[in-house]
Each structure stands twice: as structure tokens, then as C-alpha cells.
């Protein structure tokens, strides 16, 4: 199964009221085998960071993701997941560190 991880790598920092705070970041897991390129996730993304490339969804600007999960909730094929950067394994880890099984609601019966 093809699995693609897309994210901003590390959370950005910004200053507010003299304090350094860490902005929460998100990364995307795309199950290319399940993506049929319908574009529903692209249409529902409020930040317009998703695009279709070669008939599959691709997070073009993952650094602006607000973590609303609209793409994940609206995908009829459970092909996309949004996860906070804190749960991202270190770079160089392999695909086996991710649970690629479909959620129970994806199974009929």
C-alpha cells in the first residue's frame, strides 16, 4: 500500500505579548490506494491547502493546516488523516510505525 506523509517538519514559533509560544502543526497521511481523486477533501478544506496531483490528493501547503479534520471527515474512502505533529514519528522511520488499517466505521456490517 502506498502511504505518503506530508507535514511541515517542525512547528513554527511566534511571539505574542513577550512570550514565545509554539504554534500547533499538523501532518497528513494519504492512503493513495484508497484515494479515487474525487476532490471532496479539496473542496471542504477551509484553508485550501489540498490539491489534486496525478489524480490523488496532495497537501500543497501543510504548514497552514489548522487541524479542523474536514478533509478527513468528508473523505468517502477514508484515504486521508490529519494528525498533530507531536504524534509524528521521527524522520526516517518506516511505514510500519503507522496504523494503516481502516477505522471500524469504514467496514460495512
Protein backbone atom coordinates (compact mmCIF):
# COMPACT_ATOMS: atom_id res chain seq x y z
CA UNK A 1 0.00 0.00 0.00
CA UNK A 2 1.33 3.41 -0.87
CA UNK A 3 1.43 5.75 2.10
CA UNK A 4 2.56 9.33 1.91
CA UNK A 5 3.31 11.55 4.88
CA UNK A 6 3.21 15.26 4.39
CA UNK A 7 3.85 17.89 7.05
CA UNK A 8 5.73 20.98 7.93
CA UNK A 9 8.55 19.16 9.70
CA UNK A 10 8.54 21.24 12.86
CA UNK A 11 6.11 23.61 14.45
CA UNK A 12 6.64 27.30 13.82
CA UNK A 13 7.19 29.74 16.66
CA UNK A 14 5.64 33.14 17.06
CA UNK A 15 5.81 35.81 19.70
CA UNK A 16 2.87 37.25 21.49
CA UNK A 17 2.84 39.55 24.50
CA UNK A 18 6.56 38.97 25.03
CA UNK A 19 6.20 35.21 25.34
CA UNK A 20 7.39 32.66 22.82
CA UNK A 21 4.60 30.21 22.11
CA UNK A 22 4.62 27.21 19.87
CA UNK A 23 2.05 27.05 17.08
CA UNK A 24 0.41 23.65 16.76
CA UNK A 25 1.23 21.95 13.47
CA UNK A 26 -0.31 19.03 11.61
CA UNK A 27 0.77 16.43 9.09
CA UNK A 28 -1.27 14.40 6.63
CA UNK A 29 -1.34 10.68 5.97
CA UNK A 30 -2.59 9.92 2.47
CA UNK A 31 -3.58 6.34 1.62
CA UNK A 32 -3.04 6.54 -2.12
CA UNK A 33 -4.53 3.10 -2.67
CA UNK A 34 -7.90 4.33 -1.36
CA UNK A 35 -7.88 7.84 -2.88
CA UNK A 36 -10.00 7.91 -6.03
CA UNK A 37 -9.34 11.59 -6.71
CA UNK A 38 -12.94 12.74 -6.22
CA UNK A 39 -11.83 16.14 -4.85
CA UNK A 40 -14.29 16.25 -1.94
CA UNK A 41 -11.49 16.82 0.58
CA UNK A 42 -10.08 19.59 -1.62
CA UNK A 43 -13.48 21.31 -1.76
CA UNK A 44 -14.08 21.16 2.01
CA UNK A 45 -10.63 22.36 3.15
CA UNK A 46 -11.22 25.86 4.59
CA UNK A 47 -7.56 26.85 4.08
CA UNK A 48 -7.38 25.48 0.52
CA UNK A 49 -4.13 23.64 1.17
CA UNK A 50 -5.13 20.44 -0.63
CA UNK A 51 -4.82 19.92 -4.38
CA UNK A 52 -5.19 17.02 -6.78
CA UNK A 53 -1.97 15.84 -8.43
CA UNK A 54 -1.95 12.94 -10.84
CA UNK A 55 -5.48 12.07 -9.73
CA UNK A 56 -4.61 11.86 -6.00
CA UNK A 57 -4.91 14.34 -3.15
CA UNK A 58 -1.75 16.20 -2.13
CA UNK A 59 -1.30 18.73 0.73
CA UNK A 60 0.43 21.52 -1.17
CA UNK A 61 0.85 23.84 1.84
CA UNK A 62 0.66 21.67 5.00
CA UNK A 63 2.13 24.42 7.16
CA UNK A 64 -1.16 26.37 7.02
CA UNK A 65 -3.30 23.42 8.19
CA UNK A 66 -5.47 24.36 11.18
CA UNK A 67 -6.32 20.77 12.08
CA UNK A 68 -10.07 21.04 11.51
CA UNK A 69 -10.16 17.49 10.05
CA UNK A 70 -12.80 18.47 7.46
CA UNK A 71 -10.87 16.63 4.74
CA UNK A 72 -10.69 13.53 6.90
CA UNK A 73 -14.36 13.64 7.91
CA UNK A 74 -15.64 14.25 4.37
CA UNK A 75 -13.49 11.70 2.53
CA UNK A 76 -15.85 8.89 1.49
CA UNK A 77 -12.94 6.43 1.17
CA UNK A 78 -11.06 7.16 4.44
CA UNK A 79 -7.98 7.96 2.35
CA UNK A 80 -6.72 10.97 4.37
CA UNK A 81 -5.88 11.51 8.03
CA UNK A 82 -4.73 14.63 9.83
CA UNK A 83 -2.53 14.19 12.89
CA UNK A 84 -0.76 16.67 15.19
CA UNK A 85 2.99 16.92 14.75
CA UNK A 86 3.51 15.67 18.31
CA UNK A 87 2.36 12.21 17.20
CA UNK A 88 4.65 12.15 14.15
CA UNK A 89 7.42 9.57 14.48
CA UNK A 90 10.95 10.74 13.86
CA UNK A 91 12.07 11.22 10.29
CA UNK A 92 13.49 8.10 8.77
CA UNK A 93 11.01 5.79 10.47
CA UNK A 94 9.28 3.39 8.16
CA UNK A 95 5.65 2.98 7.23
CA UNK A 96 5.21 0.09 9.68
CA UNK A 97 5.09 2.59 12.55
CA UNK A 98 1.65 3.77 11.35
CA UNK A 99 -1.65 2.03 11.80
CA UNK A 100 -2.83 1.75 8.20
CA UNK A 101 -5.97 -0.18 8.94
CA UNK A 102 -9.24 1.48 8.12
CA UNK A 103 -11.36 2.72 11.02
CA UNK A 104 -14.25 0.45 12.08
CA UNK A 105 -16.85 2.75 10.54
CA UNK A 106 -15.31 2.10 7.12
CA UNK A 107 -16.34 -1.55 7.19
CA UNK A 108 -19.86 -2.48 6.17
CA UNK A 109 -21.70 -4.79 8.52
